[in-house]
Amino acid sequence: MENLITFDNNNALKIKIITVTLNTNILIGDSINVDGIPNTTVFVTGFLYNYIKQEKTNIYEYWDLQVSHPNKCIIRKIKNYGFTSYATILVFYK
């Protein structure tokens, strides 16, 4: 990770955190484009989570986080979940 965050004589990359709300009214198969990713992005990652659902269900069975390098990310609904969920996208850029 250190090699990712520092480059060119120790000039650090900037980090941007983008939070996306995954509403229940999105249709199965539809996607949400993550806006706000800079053009100078060198690495994108993210994770899905919720606050309500207490059952042992895997949120990744309901939503699919897809990253297309270098600066595109979409979240696709796979099947109905019934609760609002969230995604946090971490963007490392110059």
PDB file of N, CA and C in Angstrom:
ATOM      1  N   MET A   1       0.818  -1.186   0.000  1.00  0.00           N
ATOM      2  CA  MET A   1       0.000   0.000   0.000  1.00  0.00           C
ATOM      3  C   MET A   1       0.866   1.254   0.000  1.00  0.00           C
ATOM      4  N   GLU A   2       2.001   1.194   0.664  1.00  0.00           N
ATOM      5  CA  GLU A   2       2.873   2.366   0.714  1.00  0.00           C
ATOM      6  C   GLU A   2       3.327   2.775  -0.681  1.00  0.00           C
ATOM      7  N   ASN A   3       3.623   1.805  -1.539  1.00  0.00           N
ATOM      8  CA  ASN A   3       4.040   2.127  -2.897  1.00  0.00           C
ATOM      9  C   ASN A   3       2.911   2.754  -3.702  1.00  0.00           C
ATOM     10  N   LEU A   4       1.672   2.460  -3.361  1.00  0.00           N
ATOM     11  CA  LEU A   4       0.539   3.053  -4.055  1.00  0.00           C
ATOM     12  C   LEU A   4       0.338   4.502  -3.631  1.00  0.00           C
ATOM     13  N   ILE A   5       0.498   4.786  -2.355  1.00  0.00           N
ATOM     14  CA  ILE A   5       0.195   6.119  -1.831  1.00  0.00           C
ATOM     15  C   ILE A   5       1.325   7.112  -2.094  1.00  0.00           C
ATOM     16  N   THR A   6       2.566   6.675  -2.196  1.00  0.00           N
ATOM     17  CA  THR A   6       3.676   7.579  -2.492  1.00  0.00           C
ATOM     18  C   THR A   6       4.243   7.254  -3.866  1.00  0.00           C
ATOM     19  N   PHE A   7       4.592   8.279  -4.606  1.00  0.00           N
ATOM     20  CA  PHE A   7       5.133   8.101  -5.948  1.00  0.00           C
ATOM     21  C   PHE A   7       5.983   9.324  -6.292  1.00  0.00           C
ATOM     22  N   ASP A   8       6.758   9.238  -7.350  1.00  0.00           N
ATOM     23  CA  ASP A   8       7.546  10.375  -7.847  1.00  0.00           C
ATOM     24  C   ASP A   8       8.195  11.178  -6.728  1.00  0.00           C
ATOM     25  N   ASN A   9       9.201  10.636  -6.130  1.00  0.00           N
ATOM     26  CA  ASN A   9       9.931  11.329  -5.059  1.00  0.00           C
ATOM     27  C   ASN A   9       9.043  11.661  -3.864  1.00  0.00           C
ATOM     28  N   ASN A  10       8.226  10.700  -3.480  1.00  0.00           N
ATOM     29  CA  ASN A  10       7.389  10.785  -2.276  1.00  0.00           C
ATOM     30  C   ASN A  10       6.281  11.834  -2.320  1.00  0.00           C
ATOM     31  N   ASN A  11       5.829  12.203  -3.505  1.00  0.00           N
ATOM     32  CA  ASN A  11       4.619  13.024  -3.598  1.00  0.00           C
ATOM     33  C   ASN A  11       3.433  12.100  -3.371  1.00  0.00           C
ATOM     34  N   ALA A  12       2.613  12.393  -2.418  1.00  0.00           N
ATOM     35  CA  ALA A  12       1.529  11.482  -2.039  1.00  0.00           C
ATOM     36  C   ALA A  12       0.330  11.603  -2.976  1.00  0.00           C
ATOM     37  N   LEU A  13      -0.371  10.478  -3.144  1.00  0.00           N
ATOM     38  CA  LEU A  13      -1.649  10.494  -3.847  1.00  0.00           C
ATOM     39  C   LEU A  13      -2.713  11.078  -2.934  1.00  0.00           C
ATOM     40  N   LYS A  14      -3.715  11.681  -3.549  1.00  0.00           N
ATOM     41  CA  LYS A  14      -4.867  12.167  -2.795  1.00  0.00           C
ATOM     42  C   LYS A  14      -5.874  11.028  -2.681  1.00  0.00           C
ATOM     43  N   ILE A  15      -6.661  11.049  -1.623  1.00  0.00           N
ATOM     44  CA  ILE A  15      -7.686  10.028  -1.408  1.00  0.00           C
ATOM     45  C   ILE A  15      -9.044  10.706  -1.336  1.00  0.00           C
ATOM     46  N   LYS A  16      -9.990  10.192  -2.102  1.00  0.00           N
ATOM     47  CA  LYS A  16     -11.361  10.701  -2.088  1.00  0.00           C
ATOM     48  C   LYS A  16     -12.275   9.565  -1.670  1.00  0.00           C
ATOM     49  N   ILE A  17     -13.205   9.849  -0.766  1.00  0.00           N
ATOM     50  CA  ILE A  17     -14.178   8.858  -0.306  1.00  0.00           C
ATOM     51  C   ILE A  17     -15.547   9.271  -0.827  1.00  0.00           C
ATOM     52  N   ILE A  18     -16.193   8.373  -1.547  1.00  0.00           N
ATOM     53  CA  ILE A  18     -17.522   8.634  -2.115  1.00  0.00           C
ATOM     54  C   ILE A  18     -18.496   7.640  -1.502  1.00  0.00           C
ATOM     55  N   THR A  19     -19.581   8.149  -0.935  1.00  0.00           N
ATOM     56  CA  THR A  19     -20.621   7.291  -0.362  1.00  0.00           C
ATOM     57  C   THR A  19     -21.826   7.298  -1.293  1.00  0.00           C
ATOM     58  N   VAL A  20     -22.347   6.115  -1.591  1.00  0.00           N
ATOM     59  CA  VAL A  20     -23.493   5.964  -2.492  1.00  0.00           C
ATOM     60  C   VAL A  20     -24.605   5.243  -1.740  1.00  0.00           C
ATOM     61  N   THR A  21     -25.824   5.775  -1.815  1.00  0.00           N
ATOM     62  CA  THR A  21     -26.990   5.128  -1.221  1.00  0.00           C
ATOM     63  C   THR A  21     -27.621   4.214  -2.264  1.00  0.00           C
ATOM     64  N   LEU A  22     -27.852   2.969  -1.883  1.00  0.00           N
ATOM     65  CA  LEU A  22     -28.451   1.970  -2.770  1.00  0.00           C
ATOM     66  C   LEU A  22     -29.910   1.796  -2.357  1.00  0.00           C
ATOM     67  N   ASN A  23     -30.787   2.541  -3.019  1.00  0.00           N
ATOM     68  CA  ASN A  23     -32.205   2.549  -2.660  1.00  0.00           C
ATOM     69  C   ASN A  23     -32.919   1.277  -3.096  1.00  0.00           C
ATOM     70  N   THR A  24     -34.010   0.979  -2.414  1.00  0.00           N
ATOM     71  CA  THR A  24     -34.786  -0.229  -2.715  1.00  0.00           C
ATOM     72  C   THR A  24     -35.572  -0.111  -4.015  1.00  0.00           C
ATOM     73  N   ASN A  25     -35.810   1.115  -4.518  1.00  0.00           N
ATOM     74  CA  ASN A  25     -36.632   1.283  -5.720  1.00  0.00           C
ATOM     75  C   ASN A  25     -35.857   1.072  -7.023  1.00  0.00           C
ATOM     76  N   ILE A  26     -34.604   0.734  -6.951  1.00  0.00           N
ATOM     77  CA  ILE A  26     -33.821   0.437  -8.150  1.00  0.00           C
ATOM     78  C   ILE A  26     -34.216  -0.953  -8.649  1.00  0.00           C
ATOM     79  N   LEU A  27     -34.454  -1.067  -9.946  1.00  0.00           N
ATOM     80  CA  LEU A  27     -34.900  -2.331 -10.525  1.00  0.00           C
ATOM     81  C   LEU A  27     -33.747  -3.321 -10.639  1.00  0.00           C
ATOM     82  N   ILE A  28     -34.082  -4.603 -10.559  1.00  0.00           N
ATOM     83  CA  ILE A  28     -33.085  -5.661 -10.728  1.00  0.00           C
ATOM     84  C   ILE A  28     -32.453  -5.529 -12.113  1.00  0.00           C
ATOM     85  N   GLY A  29     -31.140  -5.586 -12.167  1.00  0.00           N
ATOM     86  CA  GLY A  29     -30.410  -5.445 -13.418  1.00  0.00           C
ATOM     87  C   GLY A  29     -29.976  -4.026 -13.726  1.00  0.00           C
ATOM     88  N   ASP A  30     -30.584  -3.039 -13.061  1.00  0.00           N
ATOM     89  CA  ASP A  30     -30.189  -1.647 -13.265  1.00  0.00           C
ATOM     90  C   ASP A  30     -28.901  -1.345 -12.509  1.00  0.00           C
ATOM     91  N   SER A  31     -28.201  -0.321 -12.966  1.00  0.00           N
ATOM     92  CA  SER A  31     -26.923   0.053 -12.369  1.00  0.00           C
ATOM     93  C   SER A  31     -26.930   1.502 -11.921  1.00  0.00           C
ATOM     94  N   ILE A  32     -26.093   1.781 -10.943  1.00  0.00           N
ATOM     95  CA  ILE A  32     -25.861   3.138 -10.468  1.00  0.00           C
ATOM     96  C   ILE A  32     -24.437   3.501 -10.869  1.00  0.00           C
ATOM     97  N   ASN A  33     -24.275   4.609 -11.590  1.00  0.00           N
ATOM     98  CA  ASN A  33     -22.939   5.102 -11.909  1.00  0.00           C
ATOM     99  C   ASN A  33     -22.424   5.907 -10.733  1.00  0.00           C
ATOM    100  N   VAL A  34     -21.211   5.655 -10.316  1.00  0.00           N
ATOM    101  CA  VAL A  34     -20.599   6.418  -9.228  1.00  0.00           C
ATOM    102  C   VAL A  34     -19.996   7.676  -9.835  1.00  0.00           C
ATOM    103  N   ASP A  35     -20.537   8.830  -9.462  1.00  0.00           N
ATOM    104  CA  ASP A  35     -20.069  10.114  -9.968  1.00  0.00           C
ATOM    105  C   ASP A  35     -19.016  10.697  -9.037  1.00  0.00           C
ATOM    106  N   GLY A  36     -18.182  11.562  -9.579  1.00  0.00           N
ATOM    107  CA  GLY A  36     -17.203  12.268  -8.766  1.00  0.00           C
ATOM    108  C   GLY A  36     -15.822  11.655  -8.747  1.00  0.00           C
ATOM    109  N   ILE A  37     -15.576  10.640  -9.582  1.00  0.00           N
ATOM    110  CA  ILE A  37     -14.244  10.032  -9.643  1.00  0.00           C
ATOM    111  C   ILE A  37     -13.371  10.895 -10.561  1.00  0.00           C
ATOM    112  N   PRO A  38     -12.258  11.433 -10.050  1.00  0.00           N
ATOM    113  CA  PRO A  38     -11.402  12.317 -10.856  1.00  0.00           C
ATOM    114  C   PRO A  38     -10.777  11.601 -12.059  1.00  0.00           C
ATOM    115  N   ASN A  39     -10.467  12.374 -13.102  1.00  0.00           N
ATOM    116  CA  ASN A  39      -9.829  11.818 -14.300  1.00  0.00           C
ATOM    117  C   ASN A  39      -8.407  11.350 -14.033  1.00  0.00           C
ATOM    118  N   THR A  40      -7.776  11.865 -12.988  1.00  0.00           N
ATOM    119  CA  THR A  40      -6.387  11.505 -12.676  1.00  0.00           C
ATOM    120  C   THR A  40      -6.300  10.324 -11.716  1.00  0.00           C
ATOM    121  N   THR A  41      -7.373   9.547 -11.604  1.00  0.00           N
ATOM    122  CA  THR A  41      -7.423   8.402 -10.693  1.00  0.00           C
ATOM    123  C   THR A  41      -6.457   7.313 -11.138  1.00  0.00           C
ATOM    124  N   VAL A  42      -5.772   6.710 -10.153  1.00  0.00           N
ATOM    125  CA  VAL A  42      -4.869   5.601 -10.444  1.00  0.00           C
ATOM    126  C   VAL A  42      -5.352   4.288  -9.837  1.00  0.00           C
ATOM    127  N   PHE A  43      -6.270   4.354  -8.848  1.00  0.00           N
ATOM    128  CA  PHE A  43      -6.763   3.131  -8.215  1.00  0.00           C
ATOM    129  C   PHE A  43      -8.125   3.400  -7.582  1.00  0.00           C
ATOM    130  N   VAL A  44      -9.073   2.473  -7.804  1.00  0.00           N
ATOM    131  CA  VAL A  44     -10.416   2.571  -7.223  1.00  0.00           C
ATOM    132  C   VAL A  44     -10.745   1.255  -6.544  1.00  0.00           C
ATOM    133  N   THR A  45     -11.330   1.320  -5.367  1.00  0.00           N
ATOM    134  CA  THR A  45     -11.828   0.138  -4.678  1.00  0.00           C
ATOM    135  C   THR A  45     -13.063   0.554  -3.891  1.00  0.00           C
ATOM    136  N   GLY A  46     -13.783  -0.413  -3.366  1.00  0.00           N
ATOM    137  CA  GLY A  46     -14.969  -0.071  -2.596  1.00  0.00           C
ATOM    138  C   GLY A  46     -15.546  -1.272  -1.892  1.00  0.00           C
ATOM    139  N   PHE A  47     -16.552  -1.002  -1.071  1.00  0.00           N
ATOM    140  CA  PHE A  47     -17.230  -2.076  -0.355  1.00  0.00           C
ATOM    141  C   PHE A  47     -18.682  -1.698  -0.133  1.00  0.00           C
ATOM    142  N   LEU A  48     -19.515  -2.725   0.085  1.00  0.00           N
ATOM    143  CA  LEU A  48     -20.952  -2.572   0.307  1.00  0.00           C
ATOM    144  C   LEU A  48     -21.275  -2.890   1.751  1.00  0.00           C
ATOM    145  N   TYR A  49     -22.314  -2.236   2.294  1.00  0.00           N
ATOM    146  CA  TYR A  49     -22.712  -2.512   3.678  1.00  0.00           C
ATOM    147  C   TYR A  49     -24.128  -2.010   3.919  1.00  0.00           C
ATOM    148  N   ASN A  50     -24.697  -2.371   5.074  1.00  0.00           N
ATOM    149  CA  ASN A  50     -25.989  -1.849   5.508  1.00  0.00           C
ATOM    150  C   ASN A  50     -25.985  -1.737   7.022  1.00  0.00           C
ATOM    151  N   TYR A  51     -26.991  -1.064   7.552  1.00  0.00           N
ATOM    152  CA  TYR A  51     -27.094  -0.874   8.997  1.00  0.00           C
ATOM    153  C   TYR A  51     -28.243  -1.647   9.618  1.00  0.00           C
ATOM    154  N   ILE A  52     -29.187  -2.114   8.809  1.00  0.00           N
ATOM    155  CA  ILE A  52     -30.454  -2.626   9.329  1.00  0.00           C
ATOM    156  C   ILE A  52     -30.502  -4.141   9.392  1.00  0.00           C
ATOM    157  N   LYS A  53     -30.131  -4.798   8.343  1.00  0.00           N
ATOM    158  CA  LYS A  53     -30.325  -6.241   8.213  1.00  0.00           C
ATOM    159  C   LYS A  53     -29.448  -6.993   9.208  1.00  0.00           C
ATOM    160  N   GLN A  54     -30.056  -7.738  10.116  1.00  0.00           N
ATOM    161  CA  GLN A  54     -29.324  -8.471  11.143  1.00  0.00           C
ATOM    162  C   GLN A  54     -29.073  -9.931  10.777  1.00  0.00           C
ATOM    163  N   GLU A  55     -29.758 -10.412   9.754  1.00  0.00           N
ATOM    164  CA  GLU A  55     -29.599 -11.814   9.362  1.00  0.00           C
ATOM    165  C   GLU A  55     -28.209 -12.053   8.783  1.00  0.00           C
ATOM    166  N   LYS A  56     -27.843 -13.308   8.715  1.00  0.00           N
ATOM    167  CA  LYS A  56     -26.546 -13.659   8.133  1.00  0.00           C
ATOM    168  C   LYS A  56     -26.691 -13.784   6.624  1.00  0.00           C
ATOM    169  N   THR A  57     -26.942 -12.665   5.979  1.00  0.00           N
ATOM    170  CA  THR A  57     -27.026 -12.635   4.523  1.00  0.00           C
ATOM    171  C   THR A  57     -25.833 -11.860   3.994  1.00  0.00           C
ATOM    172  N   ASN A  58     -25.417 -12.208   2.821  1.00  0.00           N
ATOM    173  CA  ASN A  58     -24.278 -11.564   2.191  1.00  0.00           C
ATOM    174  C   ASN A  58     -24.790 -10.494   1.244  1.00  0.00           C
ATOM    175  N   ILE A  59     -24.511  -9.238   1.541  1.00  0.00           N
ATOM    176  CA  ILE A  59     -25.003  -8.142   0.710  1.00  0.00           C
ATOM    177  C   ILE A  59     -24.496  -8.256  -0.726  1.00  0.00           C
ATOM    178  N   TYR A  60     -23.367  -8.928  -0.923  1.00  0.00           N
ATOM    179  CA  TYR A  60     -22.815  -9.092  -2.268  1.00  0.00           C
ATOM    180  C   TYR A  60     -23.635 -10.065  -3.113  1.00  0.00           C
ATOM    181  N   GLU A  61     -24.606 -10.756  -2.521  1.00  0.00           N
ATOM    182  CA  GLU A  61     -25.542 -11.569  -3.292  1.00  0.00           C
ATOM    183  C   GLU A  61     -26.642 -10.704  -3.898  1.00  0.00           C
ATOM    184  N   TYR A  62     -26.785  -9.460  -3.439  1.00  0.00           N
ATOM    185  CA  TYR A  62     -27.848  -8.565  -3.877  1.00  0.00           C
ATOM    186  C   TYR A  62     -27.339  -7.406  -4.731  1.00  0.00           C
ATOM    187  N   TRP A  63     -26.118  -6.992  -4.506  1.00  0.00           N
ATOM    188  CA  TRP A  63     -25.517  -5.879  -5.234  1.00  0.00           C
ATOM    189  C   TRP A  63     -24.136  -6.299  -5.738  1.00  0.00           C
ATOM    190  N   ASP A  64     -23.753  -5.777  -6.914  1.00  0.00           N
ATOM    191  CA  ASP A  64     -22.455  -6.094  -7.506  1.00  0.00           C
ATOM    192  C   ASP A  64     -21.695  -4.799  -7.749  1.00  0.00           C
ATOM    193  N   LEU A  65     -20.571  -4.640  -7.084  1.00  0.00           N
ATOM    194  CA  LEU A  65     -19.715  -3.468  -7.248  1.00  0.00           C
ATOM    195  C   LEU A  65     -18.706  -3.771  -8.344  1.00  0.00           C
ATOM    196  N   GLN A  66     -18.748  -2.998  -9.442  1.00  0.00           N
ATOM    197  CA  GLN A  66     -17.877  -3.254 -10.588  1.00  0.00           C
ATOM    198  C   GLN A  66     -16.981  -2.048 -10.831  1.00  0.00           C
ATOM    199  N   VAL A  67     -15.685  -2.274 -10.819  1.00  0.00           N
ATOM    200  CA  VAL A  67     -14.718  -1.204 -11.063  1.00  0.00           C
ATOM    201  C   VAL A  67     -14.064  -1.449 -12.414  1.00  0.00           C
ATOM    202  N   SER A  68     -14.120  -0.423 -13.275  1.00  0.00           N
ATOM    203  CA  SER A  68     -13.410  -0.458 -14.555  1.00  0.00           C
ATOM    204  C   SER A  68     -12.298   0.575 -14.458  1.00  0.00           C
ATOM    205  N   HIS A  69     -11.081   0.096 -14.437  1.00  0.00           N
ATOM    206  CA  HIS A  69      -9.954   1.015 -14.265  1.00  0.00           C
ATOM    207  C   HIS A  69      -9.786   1.868 -15.497  1.00  0.00           C
ATOM    208  N   PRO A  70      -9.321   3.074 -15.390  1.00  0.00           N
ATOM    209  CA  PRO A  70      -8.819   3.653 -14.159  1.00  0.00           C
ATOM    210  C   PRO A  70      -9.846   4.460 -13.373  1.00  0.00           C
ATOM    211  N   ASN A  71     -10.943   4.904 -13.994  1.00  0.00           N
ATOM    212  CA  ASN A  71     -11.782   5.848 -13.249  1.00  0.00           C
ATOM    213  C   ASN A  71     -13.280   5.657 -13.462  1.00  0.00           C
ATOM    214  N   LYS A  72     -13.738   4.426 -13.517  1.00  0.00           N
ATOM    215  CA  LYS A  72     -15.173   4.175 -13.669  1.00  0.00           C
ATOM    216  C   LYS A  72     -15.601   3.099 -12.678  1.00  0.00           C
ATOM    217  N   CYS A  73     -16.746   3.334 -12.045  1.00  0.00           N
ATOM    218  CA  CYS A  73     -17.273   2.381 -11.077  1.00  0.00           C
ATOM    219  C   CYS A  73     -18.795   2.386 -11.182  1.00  0.00           C
ATOM    220  N   ILE A  74     -19.391   1.202 -11.270  1.00  0.00           N
ATOM    221  CA  ILE A  74     -20.845   1.080 -11.249  1.00  0.00           C
ATOM    222  C   ILE A  74     -21.237   0.040 -10.206  1.00  0.00           C
ATOM    223  N   ILE A  75     -22.468   0.177  -9.723  1.00  0.00           N
ATOM    224  CA  ILE A  75     -23.020  -0.776  -8.762  1.00  0.00           C
ATOM    225  C   ILE A  75     -24.312  -1.297  -9.362  1.00  0.00           C
ATOM    226  N   ARG A  76     -24.388  -2.607  -9.575  1.00  0.00           N
ATOM    227  CA  ARG A  76     -25.536  -3.225 -10.239  1.00  0.00           C
ATOM    228  C   ARG A  76     -26.352  -4.022  -9.235  1.00  0.00           C
ATOM    229  N   LYS A  77     -27.681  -3.885  -9.335  1.00  0.00           N
ATOM    230  CA  LYS A  77     -28.574  -4.651  -8.464  1.00  0.00           C
ATOM    231  C   LYS A  77     -28.785  -6.040  -9.053  1.00  0.00           C
ATOM    232  N   ILE A  78     -28.506  -7.076  -8.255  1.00  0.00           N
ATOM    233  CA  ILE A  78     -28.631  -8.459  -8.703  1.00  0.00           C
ATOM    234  C   ILE A  78     -30.008  -9.020  -8.364  1.00  0.00           C
ATOM    235  N   LYS A  79     -30.474  -8.781  -7.129  1.00  0.00           N
ATOM    236  CA  LYS A  79     -31.809  -9.220  -6.722  1.00  0.00           C
ATOM    237  C   LYS A  79     -32.303  -8.329  -5.592  1.00  0.00           C
ATOM    238  N   ASN A  80     -33.606  -8.402  -5.311  1.00  0.00           N
ATOM    239  CA  ASN A  80     -34.206  -7.531  -4.298  1.00  0.00           C
ATOM    240  C   ASN A  80     -33.677  -7.843  -2.908  1.00  0.00           C
ATOM    241  N   TYR A  81     -33.382  -6.787  -2.176  1.00  0.00           N
ATOM    242  CA  TYR A  81     -32.836  -6.907  -0.833  1.00  0.00           C
ATOM    243  C   TYR A  81     -33.847  -6.471   0.216  1.00  0.00           C
ATOM    244  N   GLY A  82     -34.663  -5.448  -0.107  1.00  0.00           N
ATOM    245  CA  GLY A  82     -35.714  -5.006   0.800  1.00  0.00           C
ATOM    246  C   GLY A  82     -35.305  -3.919   1.771  1.00  0.00           C
ATOM    247  N   PHE A  83     -34.030  -3.608   1.839  1.00  0.00           N
ATOM    248  CA  PHE A  83     -33.539  -2.563   2.730  1.00  0.00           C
ATOM    249  C   PHE A  83     -32.586  -1.655   1.965  1.00  0.00           C
ATOM    250  N   THR A  84     -32.556  -0.388   2.368  1.00  0.00           N
ATOM    251  CA  THR A  84     -31.583   0.529   1.800  1.00  0.00           C
ATOM    252  C   THR A  84     -30.188   0.100   2.235  1.00  0.00           C
ATOM    253  N   SER A  85     -29.281   0.063   1.293  1.00  0.00           N
ATOM    254  CA  SER A  85     -27.894  -0.310   1.570  1.00  0.00           C
ATOM    255  C   SER A  85     -26.990   0.832   1.133  1.00  0.00           C
ATOM    256  N   TYR A  86     -25.702   0.653   1.336  1.00  0.00           N
ATOM    257  CA  TYR A  86     -24.750   1.719   1.045  1.00  0.00           C
ATOM    258  C   TYR A  86     -23.485   1.139   0.435  1.00  0.00           C
ATOM    259  N   ALA A  87     -22.777   1.991  -0.293  1.00  0.00           N
ATOM    260  CA  ALA A  87     -21.463   1.640  -0.827  1.00  0.00           C
ATOM    261  C   ALA A  87     -20.507   2.776  -0.498  1.00  0.00           C
ATOM    262  N   THR A  88     -19.307   2.423  -0.150  1.00  0.00           N
ATOM    263  CA  THR A  88     -18.245   3.413   0.028  1.00  0.00           C
ATOM    264  C   THR A  88     -17.160   3.100  -0.992  1.00  0.00           C
ATOM    265  N   ILE A  89     -16.821   4.109  -1.775  1.00  0.00           N
ATOM    266  CA  ILE A  89     -15.826   3.973  -2.827  1.00  0.00           C
ATOM    267  C   ILE A  89     -14.593   4.779  -2.416  1.00  0.00           C
ATOM    268  N   LEU A  90     -13.431   4.136  -2.442  1.00  0.00           N
ATOM    269  CA  LEU A  90     -12.165   4.806  -2.138  1.00  0.00           C
ATOM    270  C   LEU A  90     -11.431   5.049  -3.448  1.00  0.00           C
ATOM    271  N   VAL A  91     -11.066   6.299  -3.685  1.00  0.00           N
ATOM    272  CA  VAL A  91     -10.416   6.691  -4.928  1.00  0.00           C
ATOM    273  C   VAL A  91      -9.042   7.277  -4.596  1.00  0.00           C
ATOM    274  N   PHE A  92      -8.005   6.727  -5.190  1.00  0.00           N
ATOM    275  CA  PHE A  92      -6.650   7.265  -5.045  1.00  0.00           C
ATOM    276  C   PHE A  92      -6.310   7.969  -6.358  1.00  0.00           C
ATOM    277  N   TYR A  93      -5.957   9.254  -6.290  1.00  0.00           N
ATOM    278  CA  TYR A  93      -5.694  10.015  -7.508  1.00  0.00           C
ATOM    279  C   TYR A  93      -4.534  10.984  -7.313  1.00  0.00           C
ATOM    280  N   LYS A  94      -3.978  11.438  -8.448  1.00  0.00           N
ATOM    281  CA  LYS A  94      -2.846  12.376  -8.429  1.00  0.00           C
ATOM    282  C   LYS A  94      -3.342  13.795  -8.275  1.00  0.00           C
TER     283      LYS A  94
END
